[in-house]
Each structure stands twice: as C-alpha cells, then as structure tokens.
C-alpha cells in the first residue's frame, strides 16, 4: 500500500472515531468494523449438526459450509483460547479461557468473529478508505468453517469435571470433544466434496494449533490431490526435555484433554513425549504437501497461555523471552524439511501482535533484512519518523499466500527485531481502532 495513502487513511479513521465516540458501544463497533473490514462475508452458510458432536457444555456442535462449485476446499479452524479448569472453561476467565462456553447459536456465522475476522475465509484482504480490497488465493473456494467451543484446540477427547475454586457454583462437567467433532466434520467433507484438488487447512490462535495437531486426520479423511497447511499463531513448540519451556503446558493439556487417546492414531514418527514432533511427522508423512507456520515474535497473547501459569517470572518481557527461545527452536526444527515455510514478522500493534491473518493484513508483512536506515538521506524519505527500512524483499502476507498456495514456493523469513510497524504513522491510528473493535 502506498504510504501517503496509508497515512491519509489513518486520519480518516481518526475522524470517524471522533464522530462516533458518543455512540453506544455496539453501534460504534459495528460502524468501525464495517469501515475497517469492508463488510466481512455474506455467504449462504449451510449449518451441519452431526449426531454425537457436542460443545464443551454438552450442547449440539455445529459447523458451517459454503459451497461454490470450486474444486478446492478451505477447512478452517476458528481460534479463541483454551481451558483446563473451572475458571477457564466456565467463561469466568474471559478472553484467557475457552471461546463460546455457552455453545453455538444457529446464526453464529452472522456474528463478529465468523463474519469479519478472517480475510482468508472472506477471500480478500479487506479494503478501507483509500485502500483497495485485495483478492486472495482462497476467493471462490468451498469452505468448511469449524467454530470453537470445546476449549481443547479442536483435538481433545475427554469429559472432565472441574470444581469451582470459590465453591460458589456446582462442579462443571465439560466435554473436551474437539477430536470427535473434527473427525466427524472431515468425514462429512470427504462425502460431500469427493474430488478436492487443493485442500488448505488453516486457522488462527487455538485454530492454528488445531491446524497442525489435526492435519493428519483431516488430510487422511478428505484425500485431496494437493494438501496445504498454514498454522497462524498456534505453534506447537518442540519440548523434548522435562526442562523444555513448553513442557509444563503440554503436560497439563495432555492430561486434561486425554490426548494419549488421540495420539494412539498417529504414525510412529510422532513422539507423544515431544508435542513439537508433530511438525516433523506431517512433513515426513506428506512430503508433497506445502506446510507453513506464521506468527509474530512479539505475540503477547498465545505466549501468556504457554508460560504465564507455569513460571514464577511471568512479566511481559520474561514471557516474550521464553517465546523467542521456543520460536528459535521451532525454526531450527523446520529447516530440515524442504516443504516447510515459515513467515515470522517481528511485531504488529494489532491484537498484541497475535495472529498474522486476522481482520486485515495491514502490518502483516515480513522482511529478512529489516534494519535501521543506513544513510542520513534515507531519513528524508516518506513517511516522516520512520527509522526502519527493508534492505531485502518486502513480502506482504497476500504475496506469501499466493506463492505458497499457487506457486508451491517455500518462503522462509524470520524477521529481526525492528520498529517498522511501531513507527508507521498509519498504524498508530488504525491499530487503536481495530483493537477497540476487538475489545482489547
């Protein structure tokens, strides 16, 4: 996007915010979001409710389908936290707990997350004033959309009872039924889309974790000609040792979600004592598929789930240092596999740098040589105040997606620490508006 245009857009949105600031919160949110993300999607979603598929509270699980006649299929896992105790499963913990603890409404696909949150689902990076809408490689694809209501990254296999630590409420019976729901939906997709050419399995946050954790099951069920895996900000980090930084989290969810019963179906190249070996397993099992991870180095959302409850030093910078160590280990683990891409920008001031593919791709770009400007005259370039410049290829998210899905191109960028997005004058105005709409 042209930088002058980006700055002008920021001032326009600032004016919009000022005009609407006296409105009720829901009206303001709808107004801002409708401008920021160009209306979301308005697909004719088909609701599918299969016997035996349930949400965490025991209510009927349902997924939603958009049929287009395309030979390609997007199998999309929604994100939204995780849970393994009363507070996080009941909804008491808020955004750090399970999404949709009260189940799923029949009109779920008209609500905020499903309608607006994913440009990949909507087939376009949304336009905002003075910035054109950009079609993505998934435009026109069939879609299976998997809402999230089980708190187990779509792969749990347990019915648990959680006691209220305050004793104010009776014990909570919670169905970690993600595995059953995912397998049932994948089998349904095979029956209803019997000749898929390209299958893209993707999702964000907990849905990103599901993308990697459930890829083997989904791909085996649907049997596409070509498979693509894109995990957005739900990394399954290597944890081969008892002292590995992500081992406490893995130990916790392994027990709470009865994951050994799910692991029993995976090939022996997966080591159940090292969850991160799932990346190696899918790369080896599907050498002709294109696989990728994307996420920010300064992600201060998923990182909190990973470490905050398990380490005494859990201030922001400590948590992010753990995350960086695990991120480096993941990159090292992916490098031996020629079909594995990674696209890791440093930071974005939207949603605490969590998720690369949600809401808008503004700030979702990566540059291997993003550095402070080398020469004094470069500081005269537009926009004013920008200290950083890309000295290698500047790759926007939409370009990465096109190369990944259409070109079958492996891209590997782990961006160094930089303040490019923080300096960007448009980001300084747009990010608070988006964060306000997201509720953070």
Protein backbone atom coordinates (compact mmCIF):
# COMPACT_ATOMS: atom_id res chain seq x y z
CA UNK A 1 0.00 0.00 0.00
CA UNK A 2 1.20 3.50 -0.80
CA UNK A 3 2.44 5.11 2.42
CA UNK A 4 0.82 8.51 1.74
CA UNK A 5 -2.44 6.66 1.25
CA UNK A 6 -1.93 4.75 4.49
CA UNK A 7 -1.40 7.96 6.47
CA UNK A 8 -4.46 9.60 4.87
CA UNK A 9 -6.47 6.51 5.76
CA UNK A 10 -5.35 6.81 9.36
CA UNK A 11 -6.52 10.41 9.62
CA UNK A 12 -9.86 9.49 8.03
CA UNK A 13 -10.40 6.75 10.61
CA UNK A 14 -9.38 9.06 13.43
CA UNK A 15 -12.12 11.43 12.27
CA UNK A 16 -14.57 8.55 12.11
CA UNK A 17 -13.69 7.59 15.67
CA UNK A 18 -14.23 11.15 16.90
CA UNK A 19 -17.60 11.44 15.18
CA UNK A 20 -18.81 8.10 16.54
CA UNK A 21 -17.34 8.33 20.04
CA UNK A 22 -20.61 9.42 21.59
CA UNK A 23 -22.48 6.44 20.15
CA UNK A 24 -23.33 3.31 22.10
CA UNK A 25 -20.51 0.75 22.17
CA UNK A 26 -22.14 -1.83 19.91
CA UNK A 27 -23.09 0.78 17.31
CA UNK A 28 -19.59 2.23 17.37
CA UNK A 29 -18.05 -1.20 16.98
CA UNK A 30 -20.28 -2.05 14.04
CA UNK A 31 -19.51 1.28 12.40
CA UNK A 32 -15.74 1.00 12.81
CA UNK A 33 -15.60 -2.65 11.78
CA UNK A 34 -17.79 -2.14 8.72
CA UNK A 35 -15.35 0.54 7.52
CA UNK A 36 -12.18 -1.28 8.52
CA UNK A 37 -13.01 -4.65 7.04
CA UNK A 38 -15.28 -3.80 4.14
CA UNK A 39 -18.35 -5.64 5.36
CA UNK A 40 -16.96 -9.11 6.08
CA UNK A 41 -18.64 -12.03 4.31
CA UNK A 42 -22.27 -12.63 3.45
CA UNK A 43 -22.11 -16.24 2.31
CA UNK A 44 -25.15 -18.51 2.21
CA UNK A 45 -23.82 -20.71 5.02
CA UNK A 46 -25.20 -24.23 5.43
CA UNK A 47 -25.42 -25.42 9.03
CA UNK A 48 -24.33 -29.02 9.67
CA UNK A 49 -25.14 -30.61 13.04
CA UNK A 50 -23.97 -34.22 13.26
CA UNK A 51 -25.09 -36.76 15.87
CA UNK A 52 -22.59 -37.11 18.72
CA UNK A 53 -20.85 -33.80 18.05
CA UNK A 54 -21.05 -31.52 21.09
CA UNK A 55 -19.69 -28.28 22.53
CA UNK A 56 -17.99 -28.11 25.89
CA UNK A 57 -21.27 -27.52 27.75
CA UNK A 58 -22.83 -30.59 26.11
CA UNK A 59 -24.96 -28.67 23.61
CA UNK A 60 -25.02 -29.55 19.91
CA UNK A 61 -21.85 -28.75 17.98
CA UNK A 62 -22.38 -27.37 14.50
CA UNK A 63 -20.08 -26.38 11.70
CA UNK A 64 -20.89 -24.32 8.65
CA UNK A 65 -20.30 -24.82 4.94
CA UNK A 66 -20.16 -22.52 1.94
CA UNK A 67 -20.48 -24.36 -1.37
CA UNK A 68 -19.20 -22.70 -4.52
CA UNK A 69 -18.55 -25.39 -7.10
CA UNK A 70 -14.79 -24.83 -6.86
CA UNK A 71 -12.51 -27.88 -6.99
CA UNK A 72 -10.72 -26.50 -3.91
CA UNK A 73 -11.63 -26.62 -0.22
CA UNK A 74 -10.71 -24.42 2.74
CA UNK A 75 -11.01 -26.30 6.05
CA UNK A 76 -10.89 -23.55 8.65
CA UNK A 77 -10.38 -23.92 12.40
CA UNK A 78 -11.58 -20.98 14.49
CA UNK A 79 -9.45 -19.81 17.41
CA UNK A 80 -10.27 -18.50 20.86
CA UNK A 81 -8.39 -19.62 23.94
CA UNK A 82 -8.24 -22.94 25.76
CA UNK A 83 -9.30 -24.38 29.11
CA UNK A 84 -8.40 -26.99 31.67
CA UNK A 85 -10.08 -25.83 34.91
CA UNK A 86 -13.31 -24.28 36.17
CA UNK A 87 -12.43 -20.64 35.59
CA UNK A 88 -11.18 -21.07 32.04
CA UNK A 89 -13.92 -23.47 30.90
CA UNK A 90 -16.87 -21.72 32.55
CA UNK A 91 -16.16 -18.35 30.97
CA UNK A 92 -15.13 -16.72 34.25
CA UNK A 93 -11.57 -16.16 32.96
CA UNK A 94 -12.79 -14.12 30.00
CA UNK A 95 -10.54 -13.91 26.95
CA UNK A 96 -7.92 -16.15 28.57
CA UNK A 97 -10.40 -19.01 28.70
CA UNK A 98 -12.41 -21.06 26.26
CA UNK A 99 -14.38 -19.37 23.49
CA UNK A 100 -18.15 -19.85 23.33
CA UNK A 101 -18.53 -21.59 26.72
CA UNK A 102 -22.32 -21.42 26.32
CA UNK A 103 -22.35 -23.17 22.95
CA UNK A 104 -23.13 -22.01 19.42
CA UNK A 105 -26.19 -20.18 18.13
CA UNK A 106 -27.74 -21.13 14.81
CA UNK A 107 -26.94 -17.65 13.49
CA UNK A 108 -23.30 -17.92 14.56
CA UNK A 109 -21.97 -17.09 11.10
CA UNK A 110 -23.56 -13.64 11.20
CA UNK A 111 -21.71 -12.77 14.41
CA UNK A 112 -18.46 -10.81 14.65
CA UNK A 113 -15.78 -13.50 14.58
CA UNK A 114 -17.17 -15.62 11.77
CA UNK A 115 -18.21 -12.65 9.66
CA UNK A 116 -15.21 -10.38 9.96
CA UNK A 117 -12.16 -12.00 11.49
CA UNK A 118 -10.58 -13.92 8.62
CA UNK A 119 -9.58 -12.43 5.26
CA UNK A 120 -8.70 -16.00 4.21
CA UNK A 121 -12.31 -17.09 4.78
CA UNK A 122 -13.63 -13.93 3.16
CA UNK A 123 -11.40 -14.43 0.12
CA UNK A 124 -9.94 -10.92 0.28
CA UNK A 125 -7.78 -8.68 2.37
CA UNK A 126 -10.38 -6.05 3.23
CA UNK A 127 -10.37 -2.59 1.83
CA UNK A 128 -10.54 0.51 3.96
CA UNK A 129 -10.95 4.11 2.76
CA UNK A 130 -8.27 4.89 0.16
CA UNK A 131 -7.01 1.30 0.30
CA UNK A 132 -8.39 -1.16 -2.21
CA UNK A 133 -9.71 -4.61 -1.37
CA UNK A 134 -7.24 -7.29 -2.48
CA UNK A 135 -8.49 -10.69 -3.61
CA UNK A 136 -6.70 -13.69 -2.08
CA UNK A 137 -5.98 -17.15 -3.43
CA UNK A 138 -8.92 -18.59 -1.47
CA UNK A 139 -11.53 -16.44 -3.23
CA UNK A 140 -14.34 -18.65 -4.50
CA UNK A 141 -13.24 -21.79 -2.66
CA UNK A 142 -15.61 -24.13 -0.88
CA UNK A 143 -15.35 -23.65 2.90
CA UNK A 144 -15.84 -25.84 5.93
CA UNK A 145 -15.82 -23.46 8.91
CA UNK A 146 -15.20 -25.06 12.31
CA UNK A 147 -16.39 -22.85 15.20
CA UNK A 148 -14.62 -23.35 18.51
CA UNK A 149 -16.47 -24.24 21.70
CA UNK A 150 -14.60 -27.14 23.33
CA UNK A 151 -11.56 -25.37 24.80
CA UNK A 152 -9.17 -28.07 23.55
CA UNK A 153 -7.79 -26.71 20.26
CA UNK A 154 -10.27 -28.93 18.39
CA UNK A 155 -8.49 -32.20 19.35
CA UNK A 156 -9.44 -33.10 22.94
CA UNK A 157 -11.08 -36.41 23.80
CA UNK A 158 -12.24 -36.25 27.40
CA UNK A 159 -15.21 -35.48 29.61
CA UNK A 160 -13.86 -33.68 32.66
CA UNK A 161 -15.38 -32.39 35.88
CA UNK A 162 -14.00 -29.10 37.17
CA UNK A 163 -14.74 -27.78 40.65
CA UNK A 164 -15.33 -24.10 41.33
CA UNK A 165 -12.39 -22.93 43.50
CA UNK A 166 -14.70 -20.42 45.20
CA UNK A 167 -17.33 -23.10 45.92
CA UNK A 168 -19.95 -20.63 44.72
CA UNK A 169 -21.10 -22.85 41.86
CA UNK A 170 -21.55 -26.61 41.47
CA UNK A 171 -18.89 -28.62 39.63
CA UNK A 172 -18.78 -28.14 35.87
CA UNK A 173 -18.99 -31.12 33.52
CA UNK A 174 -17.05 -30.17 30.39
CA UNK A 175 -16.85 -32.04 27.09
CA UNK A 176 -13.43 -31.74 25.50
CA UNK A 177 -14.91 -33.22 22.34
CA UNK A 178 -12.78 -31.47 19.72
CA UNK A 179 -11.32 -34.65 18.25
CA UNK A 180 -14.74 -36.25 17.70
CA UNK A 181 -16.09 -33.06 16.15
CA UNK A 182 -13.09 -32.61 13.87
CA UNK A 183 -13.05 -36.19 12.66
CA UNK A 184 -16.80 -36.14 12.02
CA UNK A 185 -16.54 -32.91 10.02
CA UNK A 186 -13.61 -34.23 7.99
CA UNK A 187 -15.53 -37.43 7.16
CA UNK A 188 -18.55 -35.33 6.19
CA UNK A 189 -16.34 -33.17 3.95
CA UNK A 190 -14.99 -36.26 2.19
CA UNK A 191 -18.52 -37.46 1.44
CA UNK A 192 -19.69 -34.05 0.23
CA UNK A 193 -16.53 -32.91 -1.59
CA UNK A 194 -15.26 -36.20 -3.03
CA UNK A 195 -12.76 -34.79 -5.53
CA UNK A 196 -10.83 -31.98 -3.85
CA UNK A 197 -7.86 -30.72 -5.83
CA UNK A 198 -6.38 -28.27 -3.31
CA UNK A 199 -7.12 -28.57 0.39
CA UNK A 200 -5.97 -25.71 2.62
CA UNK A 201 -6.22 -26.48 6.32
CA UNK A 202 -5.71 -23.33 8.35
CA UNK A 203 -6.82 -21.42 11.42
CA UNK A 204 -5.68 -18.79 13.88
CA UNK A 205 -4.57 -18.99 17.53
CA UNK A 206 -6.10 -22.17 19.00
CA UNK A 207 -7.26 -22.89 15.47
CA UNK A 208 -3.66 -22.59 14.33
CA UNK A 209 -2.70 -25.24 16.87
CA UNK A 210 -5.56 -27.38 15.56
CA UNK A 211 -4.25 -26.93 12.03
CA UNK A 212 -1.02 -28.69 12.94
CA UNK A 213 -2.48 -31.12 15.50
CA UNK A 214 -5.37 -32.29 13.31
CA UNK A 215 -3.84 -32.02 9.84
CA UNK A 216 -3.03 -35.73 9.64
CA UNK A 217 -6.65 -36.68 10.44
CA UNK A 218 -8.26 -34.10 8.15
CA UNK A 219 -5.99 -34.75 5.20
CA UNK A 220 -6.31 -38.53 5.52
CA UNK A 221 -10.10 -38.24 5.56
CA UNK A 222 -10.54 -35.80 2.66
CA UNK A 223 -7.78 -37.20 0.39
CA UNK A 224 -7.09 -34.12 -1.77
CA UNK A 225 -4.79 -34.09 -4.77
CA UNK A 226 -2.64 -31.46 -3.02
CA UNK A 227 -2.57 -30.52 0.64
CA UNK A 228 -1.61 -27.21 2.27
CA UNK A 229 -1.19 -26.50 5.99
CA UNK A 230 -0.99 -22.92 7.32
CA UNK A 231 -0.76 -22.58 11.10
CA UNK A 232 -1.37 -18.96 12.13
CA UNK A 233 -0.05 -18.23 15.61
CA UNK A 234 -0.78 -21.56 17.25
CA UNK A 235 2.74 -23.03 17.26
CA UNK A 236 3.35 -26.48 18.69
CA UNK A 237 6.83 -25.88 20.00
CA UNK A 238 9.45 -28.58 20.45
CA UNK A 239 9.58 -29.81 24.06
CA UNK A 240 11.82 -32.90 24.06
CA UNK A 241 13.05 -32.48 27.65
CA UNK A 242 11.37 -32.15 31.03
CA UNK A 243 13.05 -28.74 31.24
CA UNK A 244 11.80 -27.53 27.84
CA UNK A 245 9.92 -24.27 28.19
CA UNK A 246 6.64 -25.54 26.70
CA UNK A 247 6.71 -28.89 28.52
CA UNK A 248 4.54 -27.74 31.51
CA UNK A 249 1.77 -26.58 29.17
CA UNK A 250 1.97 -29.79 27.17
CA UNK A 251 1.84 -31.90 30.34
CA UNK A 252 -1.22 -30.01 31.54
CA UNK A 253 -3.28 -30.37 28.38
CA UNK A 254 -2.14 -33.94 27.77
CA UNK A 255 -3.85 -34.97 30.99
CA UNK A 256 -6.86 -32.62 30.88
CA UNK A 257 -7.78 -33.40 27.30
CA UNK A 258 -6.84 -37.13 27.36
CA UNK A 259 -4.58 -36.60 24.37
CA UNK A 260 -2.92 -40.02 24.60
CA UNK A 261 -6.14 -41.49 23.19
CA UNK A 262 -5.76 -39.19 20.16
CA UNK A 263 -2.01 -39.76 19.82
CA UNK A 264 -2.62 -43.51 19.52
CA UNK A 265 -3.88 -42.96 15.95
CA UNK A 266 -0.83 -41.01 14.77
CA UNK A 267 2.13 -42.51 12.90
CA UNK A 268 5.14 -43.61 14.99
CA UNK A 269 7.18 -40.66 13.71
CA UNK A 270 5.21 -38.61 16.25
CA UNK A 271 6.73 -38.72 19.74
CA UNK A 272 3.97 -38.23 22.28
CA UNK A 273 6.58 -37.02 24.79
CA UNK A 274 7.52 -34.17 22.44
CA UNK A 275 4.45 -32.47 21.03
CA UNK A 276 6.65 -30.44 18.68
CA UNK A 277 7.44 -33.62 16.77
CA UNK A 278 4.02 -33.19 15.11
CA UNK A 279 5.75 -30.77 12.70
CA UNK A 280 8.29 -33.40 11.68
CA UNK A 281 5.59 -36.05 11.38
CA UNK A 282 3.39 -34.12 8.95
CA UNK A 283 6.41 -33.05 6.88
CA UNK A 284 7.55 -36.65 6.53
CA UNK A 285 4.11 -38.18 6.03
CA UNK A 286 3.14 -35.69 3.32
CA UNK A 287 6.37 -34.72 1.53
CA UNK A 288 4.43 -33.41 -1.49
CA UNK A 289 2.32 -31.03 0.59
CA UNK A 290 3.18 -27.42 1.36
CA UNK A 291 3.28 -26.64 5.08
CA UNK A 292 3.81 -23.32 6.85
CA UNK A 293 3.86 -21.51 10.18
CA UNK A 294 3.24 -17.79 10.61
CA UNK A 295 3.15 -15.69 13.77
CA UNK A 296 4.78 -12.71 15.43
CA UNK A 297 7.91 -12.82 17.58
CA UNK A 298 6.26 -10.34 19.99
CA UNK A 299 2.99 -12.29 20.30
CA UNK A 300 1.79 -11.42 23.80
CA UNK A 301 -1.37 -13.48 23.75
CA UNK A 302 -0.61 -17.10 22.97
CA UNK A 303 2.67 -16.69 24.84
CA UNK A 304 0.70 -15.93 28.00
CA UNK A 305 -1.16 -19.23 27.68
CA UNK A 306 2.13 -21.00 27.15
CA UNK A 307 4.05 -19.76 30.19
CA UNK A 308 2.19 -17.38 32.48
CA UNK A 309 0.65 -20.06 34.68
CA UNK A 310 3.76 -22.19 34.79
CA UNK A 311 6.64 -19.85 35.62
CA UNK A 312 7.27 -17.57 38.59
CA UNK A 313 8.87 -14.95 36.33
CA UNK A 314 5.95 -14.12 34.07
CA UNK A 315 6.21 -10.40 33.44
CA UNK A 316 5.79 -9.42 29.79
CA UNK A 317 9.45 -9.42 28.81
CA UNK A 318 10.13 -12.72 30.56
CA UNK A 319 7.19 -14.33 28.77
CA UNK A 320 8.34 -12.95 25.42
CA UNK A 321 11.89 -14.17 26.03
CA UNK A 322 10.55 -17.70 26.59
CA UNK A 323 8.53 -17.35 23.40
CA UNK A 324 11.56 -16.21 21.40
CA UNK A 325 13.61 -19.16 22.66
CA UNK A 326 10.85 -21.58 21.65
CA UNK A 327 10.37 -19.81 18.32
CA UNK A 328 14.06 -20.26 17.50
CA UNK A 329 13.79 -23.95 18.38
CA UNK A 330 10.78 -24.30 16.07
CA UNK A 331 12.59 -22.63 13.17
CA UNK A 332 15.57 -24.94 13.67
CA UNK A 333 13.22 -27.95 13.70
CA UNK A 334 11.51 -26.89 10.45
CA UNK A 335 14.65 -26.13 8.45
CA UNK A 336 15.49 -29.75 7.50
CA UNK A 337 12.15 -30.18 5.70
CA UNK A 338 12.05 -28.67 2.18
CA UNK A 339 8.24 -28.46 2.21
CA UNK A 340 8.02 -26.30 5.36
CA UNK A 341 7.81 -22.49 5.15
CA UNK A 342 7.92 -20.02 7.99
CA UNK A 343 6.79 -16.40 7.81
CA UNK A 344 7.56 -14.66 11.10
CA UNK A 345 7.28 -10.87 11.28
CA UNK A 346 8.50 -9.17 14.44
CA UNK A 347 5.61 -7.15 15.84
CA UNK A 348 2.28 -5.59 14.96
CA UNK A 349 0.40 -3.20 17.23
CA UNK A 350 -2.87 -5.02 16.50
CA UNK A 351 -4.22 -7.63 18.94
CA UNK A 352 -0.97 -7.69 21.00
CA UNK A 353 0.92 -8.97 17.94
CA UNK A 354 -1.23 -12.09 17.95
CA UNK A 355 -2.19 -13.63 14.60
CA UNK A 356 -0.96 -12.66 11.13
CA UNK A 357 -4.10 -13.41 9.13
CA UNK A 358 -6.98 -11.86 11.11
CA UNK A 359 -9.07 -8.73 10.43
CA UNK A 360 -6.66 -7.06 7.98
CA UNK A 361 -3.20 -7.66 6.55
CA UNK A 362 -2.06 -4.14 7.42
CA UNK A 363 1.25 -4.76 9.19
CA UNK A 364 1.28 -8.44 8.18
CA UNK A 365 4.47 -8.40 6.18
CA UNK A 366 7.97 -9.72 6.71
CA UNK A 367 11.47 -8.70 5.63
CA UNK A 368 14.58 -10.70 6.38
CA UNK A 369 16.73 -7.54 6.46
CA UNK A 370 14.55 -5.01 8.21
CA UNK A 371 17.16 -2.64 9.58
CA UNK A 372 17.63 0.88 10.84
CA UNK A 373 18.23 3.18 7.90
CA UNK A 374 21.86 3.18 6.78
CA UNK A 375 22.22 6.71 5.41
CA UNK A 376 21.14 10.13 6.60
CA UNK A 377 19.26 10.95 3.40
CA UNK A 378 17.03 7.93 3.86
CA UNK A 379 15.50 9.71 6.85
CA UNK A 380 14.12 12.26 4.39
CA UNK A 381 12.02 9.57 2.71
CA UNK A 382 8.28 9.35 3.29
CA UNK A 383 6.83 8.85 5.84
CA UNK A 384 8.49 11.13 8.36
CA UNK A 385 9.62 9.50 11.59
CA UNK A 386 10.23 6.06 10.07
CA UNK A 387 13.62 4.78 11.26
CA UNK A 388 13.50 1.35 9.63
CA UNK A 389 13.78 0.17 6.04
CA UNK A 390 13.69 -3.19 4.30
CA UNK A 391 17.01 -3.98 2.60
CA UNK A 392 15.85 -7.30 1.16
CA UNK A 393 12.50 -8.31 -0.34
CA UNK A 394 9.47 -6.81 1.43
CA UNK A 395 6.88 -9.62 1.40
CA UNK A 396 3.23 -8.80 2.26
CA UNK A 397 1.03 -11.59 3.60
CA UNK A 398 -1.07 -11.73 0.42
CA UNK A 399 2.09 -12.29 -1.62
CA UNK A 400 3.22 -15.05 0.71
CA UNK A 401 -0.18 -16.76 0.43
CA UNK A 402 -0.17 -16.60 -3.35
CA UNK A 403 3.31 -18.05 -3.59
CA UNK A 404 2.50 -20.70 -1.01
CA UNK A 405 -0.77 -21.98 -2.48
CA UNK A 406 -0.50 -21.20 -6.19
CA UNK A 407 3.24 -21.30 -6.68
CA UNK A 408 4.12 -24.04 -4.23
CA UNK A 409 7.02 -21.81 -3.19
CA UNK A 410 8.81 -22.27 0.11
CA UNK A 411 9.35 -18.94 1.89
CA UNK A 412 11.50 -18.64 5.00
CA UNK A 413 11.62 -15.31 6.77
CA UNK A 414 12.27 -14.77 10.47
CA UNK A 415 12.30 -11.02 10.75
CA UNK A 416 14.83 -9.41 13.13
CA UNK A 417 13.77 -7.08 15.94
CA UNK A 418 12.64 -3.76 14.50
CA UNK A 419 10.29 -0.83 14.98
CA UNK A 420 8.92 -0.58 11.43
CA UNK A 421 5.26 -1.06 12.35
CA UNK A 422 5.64 0.90 15.59
CA UNK A 423 6.99 3.89 13.62
CA UNK A 424 4.34 3.71 10.91
CA UNK A 425 2.03 6.74 11.27
CA UNK A 426 -0.93 4.93 9.75
CA UNK A 427 -0.53 2.00 12.15
CA UNK A 428 -0.51 4.40 15.10
CA UNK A 429 -4.01 5.50 14.19
CA UNK A 430 -5.51 2.36 12.69
CA UNK A 431 -4.30 -0.08 15.38
CA UNK A 432 -6.19 1.54 18.30
CA UNK A 433 -9.38 1.50 16.24
CA UNK A 434 -9.03 -2.17 15.38
CA UNK A 435 -8.07 -3.03 18.96
CA UNK A 436 -11.11 -1.16 20.19
CA UNK A 437 -13.32 -3.14 17.83
CA UNK A 438 -11.69 -6.38 19.01
CA UNK A 439 -12.31 -5.43 22.62
CA UNK A 440 -8.67 -5.16 23.70
